[in-house]
């Protein structure tokens, strides 16, 4: 061994950091306007709202921008009108969603930073790369189970998610009158959930492949070093 060895805490940090990084990258991909626009079109959001596609996309872009960058008041008007697009209850829920998203991004950033620092420090220790590989596999299994739950019982899973992360209870809206659930109807969220599951599994596979490649490189280097040390003794005999 030519470097520091990763202890149990470091290996746990690497495994968890791998999972958080994978999830964070997948969520960031889903926030891309191109994906959001395609999902809105697939869900028929424009028809439900009674707006054209460009106006529907513009409203969603404004919503996502405020979710991520603020000010998270969601007080902007309906396109072509002076009335607010969201009512106060919808704006309040979206404000809570923005806070939750920011907390999530902070945790993901901390996990990604811890992963990078740990792998840089223990880059020559095979156990560190095994921990990254284990983290990717474990997260893929857990996320596949969660995805299966959403797939077979979407309404129940969706409700459970909101009860956990929005315990204040301001997340139930009337799809006949309130714009938020018309802009983002159930088919939109079903598509997002399926895409997120696919992205996570793909990214876990990529993480596993990268960690495996590094691990094999280290093991090959260790074998070459062992062979080099054994040669002088064999020659002497």
C-alpha atoms as a PDB file:
ATOM      1  CA  UNK A   1       0.000   0.000   0.000  1.00  0.00           C
ATOM      2  CA  UNK A   2       1.502   3.357  -1.031  1.00  0.00           C
ATOM      3  CA  UNK A   3      -1.089   5.725   0.432  1.00  0.00           C
ATOM      4  CA  UNK A   4      -3.448   6.230   3.391  1.00  0.00           C
ATOM      5  CA  UNK A   5      -5.968   3.497   4.042  1.00  0.00           C
ATOM      6  CA  UNK A   6      -9.699   4.221   4.045  1.00  0.00           C
ATOM      7  CA  UNK A   7     -11.276   3.371   7.389  1.00  0.00           C
ATOM      8  CA  UNK A   8     -14.881   2.413   7.998  1.00  0.00           C
ATOM      9  CA  UNK A   9     -16.046   6.030   8.253  1.00  0.00           C
ATOM     10  CA  UNK A  10     -14.292   7.005   5.039  1.00  0.00           C
ATOM     11  CA  UNK A  11     -15.778   4.029   3.192  1.00  0.00           C
ATOM     12  CA  UNK A  12     -19.260   4.885   4.479  1.00  0.00           C
ATOM     13  CA  UNK A  13     -18.750   8.492   3.353  1.00  0.00           C
ATOM     14  CA  UNK A  14     -17.709   7.316  -0.099  1.00  0.00           C
ATOM     15  CA  UNK A  15     -20.686   4.975  -0.443  1.00  0.00           C
ATOM     16  CA  UNK A  16     -23.192   7.593   0.687  1.00  0.00           C
ATOM     17  CA  UNK A  17     -21.485  10.288  -1.374  1.00  0.00           C
ATOM     18  CA  UNK A  18     -21.775   8.108  -4.473  1.00  0.00           C
ATOM     19  CA  UNK A  19     -25.516   7.660  -3.925  1.00  0.00           C
ATOM     20  CA  UNK A  20     -26.111  11.366  -3.287  1.00  0.00           C
ATOM     21  CA  UNK A  21     -24.077  12.401  -6.309  1.00  0.00           C
ATOM     22  CA  UNK A  22     -25.986  10.034  -8.570  1.00  0.00           C
ATOM     23  CA  UNK A  23     -29.338  11.311  -7.278  1.00  0.00           C
ATOM     24  CA  UNK A  24     -28.261  14.940  -7.546  1.00  0.00           C
ATOM     25  CA  UNK A  25     -27.096  14.609 -11.146  1.00  0.00           C
ATOM     26  CA  UNK A  26     -30.339  12.843 -12.092  1.00  0.00           C
ATOM     27  CA  UNK A  27     -32.480  15.586 -10.520  1.00  0.00           C
ATOM     28  CA  UNK A  28     -30.478  18.326 -12.236  1.00  0.00           C
ATOM     29  CA  UNK A  29     -31.054  16.632 -15.590  1.00  0.00           C
ATOM     30  CA  UNK A  30     -34.791  16.611 -14.898  1.00  0.00           C
ATOM     31  CA  UNK A  31     -34.733  20.363 -14.213  1.00  0.00           C
ATOM     32  CA  UNK A  32     -33.467  21.049 -17.723  1.00  0.00           C
ATOM     33  CA  UNK A  33     -36.077  23.093 -19.646  1.00  0.00           C
ATOM     34  CA  UNK A  34     -35.845  20.837 -22.694  1.00  0.00           C
ATOM     35  CA  UNK A  35     -36.896  17.819 -20.631  1.00  0.00           C
ATOM     36  CA  UNK A  36     -39.585  19.757 -18.752  1.00  0.00           C
ATOM     37  CA  UNK A  37     -41.084  21.038 -22.015  1.00  0.00           C
ATOM     38  CA  UNK A  38     -41.206  17.539 -23.500  1.00  0.00           C
ATOM     39  CA  UNK A  39     -42.829  16.163 -20.340  1.00  0.00           C
ATOM     40  CA  UNK A  40     -45.412  18.963 -20.307  1.00  0.00           C
ATOM     41  CA  UNK A  41     -46.290  18.244 -23.928  1.00  0.00           C
ATOM     42  CA  UNK A  42     -46.562  14.514 -23.262  1.00  0.00           C
ATOM     43  CA  UNK A  43     -48.846  15.168 -20.284  1.00  0.00           C
ATOM     44  CA  UNK A  44     -51.108  17.495 -22.287  1.00  0.00           C
ATOM     45  CA  UNK A  45     -50.597  20.418 -19.916  1.00  0.00           C
ATOM     46  CA  UNK A  46     -51.362  23.093 -22.509  1.00  0.00           C
ATOM     47  CA  UNK A  47     -54.767  21.573 -23.294  1.00  0.00           C
ATOM     48  CA  UNK A  48     -55.621  21.244 -19.607  1.00  0.00           C
ATOM     49  CA  UNK A  49     -54.664  24.870 -18.930  1.00  0.00           C
ATOM     50  CA  UNK A  50     -56.257  26.234 -22.082  1.00  0.00           C
ATOM     51  CA  UNK A  51     -52.997  27.937 -23.081  1.00  0.00           C
ATOM     52  CA  UNK A  52     -50.819  27.449 -26.125  1.00  0.00           C
ATOM     53  CA  UNK A  53     -47.601  25.445 -25.859  1.00  0.00           C
ATOM     54  CA  UNK A  54     -45.281  28.458 -25.766  1.00  0.00           C
ATOM     55  CA  UNK A  55     -47.248  30.106 -22.948  1.00  0.00           C
ATOM     56  CA  UNK A  56     -47.349  26.827 -21.022  1.00  0.00           C
ATOM     57  CA  UNK A  57     -43.595  26.415 -21.402  1.00  0.00           C
ATOM     58  CA  UNK A  58     -43.015  30.026 -20.336  1.00  0.00           C
ATOM     59  CA  UNK A  59     -45.084  29.614 -17.166  1.00  0.00           C
ATOM     60  CA  UNK A  60     -43.223  26.416 -16.293  1.00  0.00           C
ATOM     61  CA  UNK A  61     -39.849  28.041 -16.974  1.00  0.00           C
ATOM     62  CA  UNK A  62     -40.749  30.888 -14.617  1.00  0.00           C
ATOM     63  CA  UNK A  63     -41.888  28.397 -11.990  1.00  0.00           C
ATOM     64  CA  UNK A  64     -38.716  26.310 -12.188  1.00  0.00           C
ATOM     65  CA  UNK A  65     -36.531  29.433 -12.168  1.00  0.00           C
ATOM     66  CA  UNK A  66     -38.167  30.667  -8.963  1.00  0.00           C
ATOM     67  CA  UNK A  67     -37.945  27.208  -7.409  1.00  0.00           C
ATOM     68  CA  UNK A  68     -34.204  27.103  -7.970  1.00  0.00           C
ATOM     69  CA  UNK A  69     -33.057  30.720  -7.942  1.00  0.00           C
ATOM     70  CA  UNK A  70     -35.817  32.591  -6.114  1.00  0.00           C
ATOM     71  CA  UNK A  71     -37.410  34.766  -5.013  1.00  0.00           C
ATOM     72  CA  UNK A  72     -39.936  31.904  -4.666  1.00  0.00           C
ATOM     73  CA  UNK A  73     -42.934  34.253  -4.374  1.00  0.00           C
ATOM     74  CA  UNK A  74     -44.625  32.760  -7.458  1.00  0.00           C
ATOM     75  CA  UNK A  75     -46.605  35.989  -7.856  1.00  0.00           C
ATOM     76  CA  UNK A  76     -46.174  36.322 -11.615  1.00  0.00           C
ATOM     77  CA  UNK A  77     -49.214  36.833 -13.876  1.00  0.00           C
ATOM     78  CA  UNK A  78     -50.924  34.478 -16.259  1.00  0.00           C
ATOM     79  CA  UNK A  79     -49.654  35.055 -19.831  1.00  0.00           C
ATOM     80  CA  UNK A  80     -51.864  37.626 -21.545  1.00  0.00           C
ATOM     81  CA  UNK A  81     -53.540  38.601 -18.270  1.00  0.00           C
ATOM     82  CA  UNK A  82     -52.925  40.775 -15.216  1.00  0.00           C
ATOM     83  CA  UNK A  83     -54.182  38.127 -12.765  1.00  0.00           C
ATOM     84  CA  UNK A  84     -51.776  35.950 -10.827  1.00  0.00           C
ATOM     85  CA  UNK A  85     -51.177  32.517 -12.292  1.00  0.00           C
ATOM     86  CA  UNK A  86     -50.973  30.822  -8.885  1.00  0.00           C
ATOM     87  CA  UNK A  87     -53.341  31.494  -6.015  1.00  0.00           C
ATOM     88  CA  UNK A  88     -51.899  32.110  -2.504  1.00  0.00           C
ATOM     89  CA  UNK A  89     -52.249  28.455  -1.440  1.00  0.00           C
ATOM     90  CA  UNK A  90     -50.389  27.244  -4.528  1.00  0.00           C
ATOM     91  CA  UNK A  91     -47.681  29.881  -4.071  1.00  0.00           C
ATOM     92  CA  UNK A  92     -47.265  28.829  -0.432  1.00  0.00           C
ATOM     93  CA  UNK A  93     -46.813  25.180  -1.392  1.00  0.00           C
ATOM     94  CA  UNK A  94     -44.333  26.066  -4.128  1.00  0.00           C
ATOM     95  CA  UNK A  95     -42.400  28.195  -1.634  1.00  0.00           C
ATOM     96  CA  UNK A  96     -42.147  25.138   0.645  1.00  0.00           C
ATOM     97  CA  UNK A  97     -41.073  23.046  -2.350  1.00  0.00           C
ATOM     98  CA  UNK A  98     -38.338  25.576  -3.099  1.00  0.00           C
ATOM     99  CA  UNK A  99     -37.038  25.317   0.469  1.00  0.00           C
ATOM    100  CA  UNK A 100     -37.054  21.526   0.224  1.00  0.00           C
ATOM    101  CA  UNK A 101     -35.201  21.637  -3.102  1.00  0.00           C
ATOM    102  CA  UNK A 102     -32.541  23.957  -1.678  1.00  0.00           C
ATOM    103  CA  UNK A 103     -32.055  21.693   1.343  1.00  0.00           C
ATOM    104  CA  UNK A 104     -31.727  18.721  -0.989  1.00  0.00           C
ATOM    105  CA  UNK A 105     -29.160  20.510  -3.158  1.00  0.00           C
ATOM    106  CA  UNK A 106     -27.107  21.455  -0.092  1.00  0.00           C
ATOM    107  CA  UNK A 107     -27.052  17.821   1.066  1.00  0.00           C
ATOM    108  CA  UNK A 108     -26.135  16.642  -2.434  1.00  0.00           C
ATOM    109  CA  UNK A 109     -23.348  19.221  -2.739  1.00  0.00           C
ATOM    110  CA  UNK A 110     -21.955  18.162   0.650  1.00  0.00           C
ATOM    111  CA  UNK A 111     -22.106  14.503  -0.368  1.00  0.00           C
ATOM    112  CA  UNK A 112     -20.439  15.149  -3.716  1.00  0.00           C
ATOM    113  CA  UNK A 113     -17.691  17.211  -2.083  1.00  0.00           C
ATOM    114  CA  UNK A 114     -17.086  14.524   0.535  1.00  0.00           C
ATOM    115  CA  UNK A 115     -16.921  11.912  -2.228  1.00  0.00           C
ATOM    116  CA  UNK A 116     -14.375  13.862  -4.273  1.00  0.00           C
ATOM    117  CA  UNK A 117     -12.195  14.660  -1.256  1.00  0.00           C
ATOM    118  CA  UNK A 118     -12.314  11.077   0.042  1.00  0.00           C
ATOM    119  CA  UNK A 119     -11.515   9.485  -3.316  1.00  0.00           C
ATOM    120  CA  UNK A 120      -8.666  11.954  -3.837  1.00  0.00           C
ATOM    121  CA  UNK A 121      -7.232  11.132  -0.399  1.00  0.00           C
ATOM    122  CA  UNK A 122      -7.651   7.362  -0.713  1.00  0.00           C
ATOM    123  CA  UNK A 123      -7.188   7.067  -4.462  1.00  0.00           C
ATOM    124  CA  UNK A 124      -4.595   4.302  -4.078  1.00  0.00           C
ATOM    125  CA  UNK A 125      -6.647   2.226  -1.643  1.00  0.00           C
ATOM    126  CA  UNK A 126      -8.765  -0.432  -3.382  1.00  0.00           C
ATOM    127  CA  UNK A 127     -11.160  -0.426  -0.455  1.00  0.00           C
ATOM    128  CA  UNK A 128     -12.193   3.142  -1.285  1.00  0.00           C
ATOM    129  CA  UNK A 129     -13.187   2.167  -4.813  1.00  0.00           C
ATOM    130  CA  UNK A 130     -14.965  -0.936  -3.571  1.00  0.00           C
ATOM    131  CA  UNK A 131     -16.956   1.370  -1.271  1.00  0.00           C
ATOM    132  CA  UNK A 132     -17.912   3.559  -4.247  1.00  0.00           C
ATOM    133  CA  UNK A 133     -18.942   0.493  -6.202  1.00  0.00           C
ATOM    134  CA  UNK A 134     -20.953  -0.859  -3.256  1.00  0.00           C
ATOM    135  CA  UNK A 135     -22.643   2.531  -2.833  1.00  0.00           C
ATOM    136  CA  UNK A 136     -23.700   2.537  -6.482  1.00  0.00           C
ATOM    137  CA  UNK A 137     -25.080  -1.014  -6.323  1.00  0.00           C
ATOM    138  CA  UNK A 138     -26.879  -0.496  -3.012  1.00  0.00           C
ATOM    139  CA  UNK A 139     -28.474   2.734  -4.187  1.00  0.00           C
ATOM    140  CA  UNK A 140     -29.569   1.129  -7.451  1.00  0.00           C
ATOM    141  CA  UNK A 141     -31.276  -1.680  -5.534  1.00  0.00           C
ATOM    142  CA  UNK A 142     -32.986   0.693  -3.092  1.00  0.00           C
ATOM    143  CA  UNK A 143     -34.077   3.060  -5.833  1.00  0.00           C
ATOM    144  CA  UNK A 144     -35.363   0.202  -7.981  1.00  0.00           C
ATOM    145  CA  UNK A 145     -37.519  -0.912  -5.056  1.00  0.00           C
ATOM    146  CA  UNK A 146     -38.836   2.625  -4.565  1.00  0.00           C
ATOM    147  CA  UNK A 147     -39.429   2.929  -8.309  1.00  0.00           C
ATOM    148  CA  UNK A 148     -41.369  -0.347  -8.305  1.00  0.00           C
ATOM    149  CA  UNK A 149     -43.525   1.010  -5.493  1.00  0.00           C
ATOM    150  CA  UNK A 150     -44.257   4.157  -7.501  1.00  0.00           C
ATOM    151  CA  UNK A 151     -44.903   2.055 -10.588  1.00  0.00           C
ATOM    152  CA  UNK A 152     -47.521  -0.223  -9.038  1.00  0.00           C
ATOM    153  CA  UNK A 153     -49.074   2.269  -6.590  1.00  0.00           C
ATOM    154  CA  UNK A 154     -48.269   5.739  -7.881  1.00  0.00           C
ATOM    155  CA  UNK A 155     -51.094   7.558  -6.085  1.00  0.00           C
ATOM    156  CA  UNK A 156     -50.226   5.958  -2.747  1.00  0.00           C
ATOM    157  CA  UNK A 157     -46.504   6.619  -3.188  1.00  0.00           C
ATOM    158  CA  UNK A 158     -47.142  10.198  -4.308  1.00  0.00           C
ATOM    159  CA  UNK A 159     -49.331  10.830  -1.272  1.00  0.00           C
ATOM    160  CA  UNK A 160     -46.781   9.239   1.082  1.00  0.00           C
ATOM    161  CA  UNK A 161     -43.996  11.383  -0.383  1.00  0.00           C
ATOM    162  CA  UNK A 162     -45.968  14.565   0.257  1.00  0.00           C
ATOM    163  CA  UNK A 163     -47.024  13.521   3.753  1.00  0.00           C
ATOM    164  CA  UNK A 164     -43.369  12.978   4.663  1.00  0.00           C
ATOM    165  CA  UNK A 165     -41.872  16.080   3.077  1.00  0.00           C
ATOM    166  CA  UNK A 166     -44.837  18.445   3.431  1.00  0.00           C
ATOM    167  CA  UNK A 167     -46.233  17.551   6.862  1.00  0.00           C
ATOM    168  CA  UNK A 168     -47.898  20.970   7.085  1.00  0.00           C
ATOM    169  CA  UNK A 169     -50.494  19.524   4.683  1.00  0.00           C
ATOM    170  CA  UNK A 170     -50.699  22.293   2.097  1.00  0.00           C
ATOM    171  CA  UNK A 171     -50.250  20.038  -0.911  1.00  0.00           C
ATOM    172  CA  UNK A 172     -53.759  18.930  -1.954  1.00  0.00           C
ATOM    173  CA  UNK A 173     -55.278  20.975  -4.777  1.00  0.00           C
ATOM    174  CA  UNK A 174     -58.361  20.908  -6.994  1.00  0.00           C
ATOM    175  CA  UNK A 175     -57.383  19.935 -10.526  1.00  0.00           C
ATOM    176  CA  UNK A 176     -60.546  21.583 -11.877  1.00  0.00           C
ATOM    177  CA  UNK A 177     -59.683  25.054 -10.630  1.00  0.00           C
ATOM    178  CA  UNK A 178     -56.043  25.331  -9.532  1.00  0.00           C
ATOM    179  CA  UNK A 179     -53.310  25.968 -12.030  1.00  0.00           C
ATOM    180  CA  UNK A 180     -50.428  24.112 -10.410  1.00  0.00           C
ATOM    181  CA  UNK A 181     -52.015  20.684 -10.851  1.00  0.00           C
ATOM    182  CA  UNK A 182     -53.169  21.651 -14.325  1.00  0.00           C
ATOM    183  CA  UNK A 183     -49.653  22.703 -15.346  1.00  0.00           C
ATOM    184  CA  UNK A 184     -48.144  19.610 -13.699  1.00  0.00           C
ATOM    185  CA  UNK A 185     -50.874  16.924 -13.849  1.00  0.00           C
ATOM    186  CA  UNK A 186     -50.500  13.324 -12.686  1.00  0.00           C
ATOM    187  CA  UNK A 187     -49.240  12.055 -16.092  1.00  0.00           C
ATOM    188  CA  UNK A 188     -46.420  14.603 -15.881  1.00  0.00           C
ATOM    189  CA  UNK A 189     -45.293  13.270 -12.507  1.00  0.00           C
ATOM    190  CA  UNK A 190     -45.619   9.664 -13.654  1.00  0.00           C
ATOM    191  CA  UNK A 191     -43.284  10.451 -16.554  1.00  0.00           C
ATOM    192  CA  UNK A 192     -40.869  12.297 -14.272  1.00  0.00           C
ATOM    193  CA  UNK A 193     -40.803   9.370 -11.835  1.00  0.00           C
ATOM    194  CA  UNK A 194     -40.056   6.875 -14.627  1.00  0.00           C
ATOM    195  CA  UNK A 195     -37.352   9.100 -16.100  1.00  0.00           C
ATOM    196  CA  UNK A 196     -35.757   9.647 -12.706  1.00  0.00           C
ATOM    197  CA  UNK A 197     -35.670   5.890 -12.086  1.00  0.00           C
ATOM    198  CA  UNK A 198     -34.044   5.261 -15.474  1.00  0.00           C
ATOM    199  CA  UNK A 199     -31.478   8.020 -14.959  1.00  0.00           C
ATOM    200  CA  UNK A 200     -30.545   6.798 -11.493  1.00  0.00           C
ATOM    201  CA  UNK A 201     -30.050   3.217 -12.680  1.00  0.00           C
ATOM    202  CA  UNK A 202     -27.954   4.365 -15.655  1.00  0.00           C
ATOM    203  CA  UNK A 203     -25.805   6.653 -13.488  1.00  0.00           C
ATOM    204  CA  UNK A 204     -25.345   3.897 -10.899  1.00  0.00           C
ATOM    205  CA  UNK A 205     -24.137   1.615 -13.683  1.00  0.00           C
ATOM    206  CA  UNK A 206     -21.693   4.297 -14.867  1.00  0.00           C
ATOM    207  CA  UNK A 207     -20.411   4.803 -11.304  1.00  0.00           C
ATOM    208  CA  UNK A 208     -19.984   1.030 -10.908  1.00  0.00           C
ATOM    209  CA  UNK A 209     -18.051   0.791 -14.167  1.00  0.00           C
ATOM    210  CA  UNK A 210     -15.745   3.699 -13.282  1.00  0.00           C
ATOM    211  CA  UNK A 211     -15.052   2.345  -9.796  1.00  0.00           C
ATOM    212  CA  UNK A 212     -14.472  -1.158 -11.180  1.00  0.00           C
ATOM    213  CA  UNK A 213     -12.056   0.137 -13.810  1.00  0.00           C
ATOM    214  CA  UNK A 214     -10.066   2.021 -11.151  1.00  0.00           C
ATOM    215  CA  UNK A 215     -10.098  -1.001  -8.842  1.00  0.00           C
ATOM    216  CA  UNK A 216      -8.814  -3.298 -11.571  1.00  0.00           C
ATOM    217  CA  UNK A 217      -6.073  -0.798 -12.397  1.00  0.00           C
ATOM    218  CA  UNK A 218      -4.949  -0.726  -8.770  1.00  0.00           C
ATOM    219  CA  UNK A 219      -5.033  -4.521  -8.496  1.00  0.00           C
ATOM    220  CA  UNK A 220      -3.050  -4.873 -11.724  1.00  0.00           C
ATOM    221  CA  UNK A 221      -0.493  -2.392 -10.402  1.00  0.00           C
ATOM    222  CA  UNK A 222      -0.228  -4.327  -7.147  1.00  0.00           C
ATOM    223  CA  UNK A 223       0.359  -7.590  -9.048  1.00  0.00           C
ATOM    224  CA  UNK A 224       3.070  -5.985 -11.170  1.00  0.00           C
ATOM    225  CA  UNK A 225       4.768  -4.628  -8.055  1.00  0.00           C
ATOM    226  CA  UNK A 226       4.608  -8.040  -6.388  1.00  0.00           C
ATOM    227  CA  UNK A 227       6.050  -9.723  -9.465  1.00  0.00           C
ATOM    228  CA  UNK A 228       8.861  -7.157  -9.625  1.00  0.00           C
ATOM    229  CA  UNK A 229       9.779  -7.813  -5.993  1.00  0.00           C
ATOM    230  CA  UNK A 230       9.782 -11.574  -6.469  1.00  0.00           C
ATOM    231  CA  UNK A 231      12.108 -11.612  -9.485  1.00  0.00           C
ATOM    232  CA  UNK A 232      15.430 -10.913  -7.699  1.00  0.00           C
ATOM    233  CA  UNK A 233      14.870 -13.768  -5.230  1.00  0.00           C
ATOM    234  CA  UNK A 234      13.986 -16.196  -7.985  1.00  0.00           C
ATOM    235  CA  UNK A 235      17.110 -15.216  -9.947  1.00  0.00           C
ATOM    236  CA  UNK A 236      19.282 -15.730  -6.875  1.00  0.00           C
ATOM    237  CA  UNK A 237      17.937 -19.281  -6.440  1.00  0.00           C
END
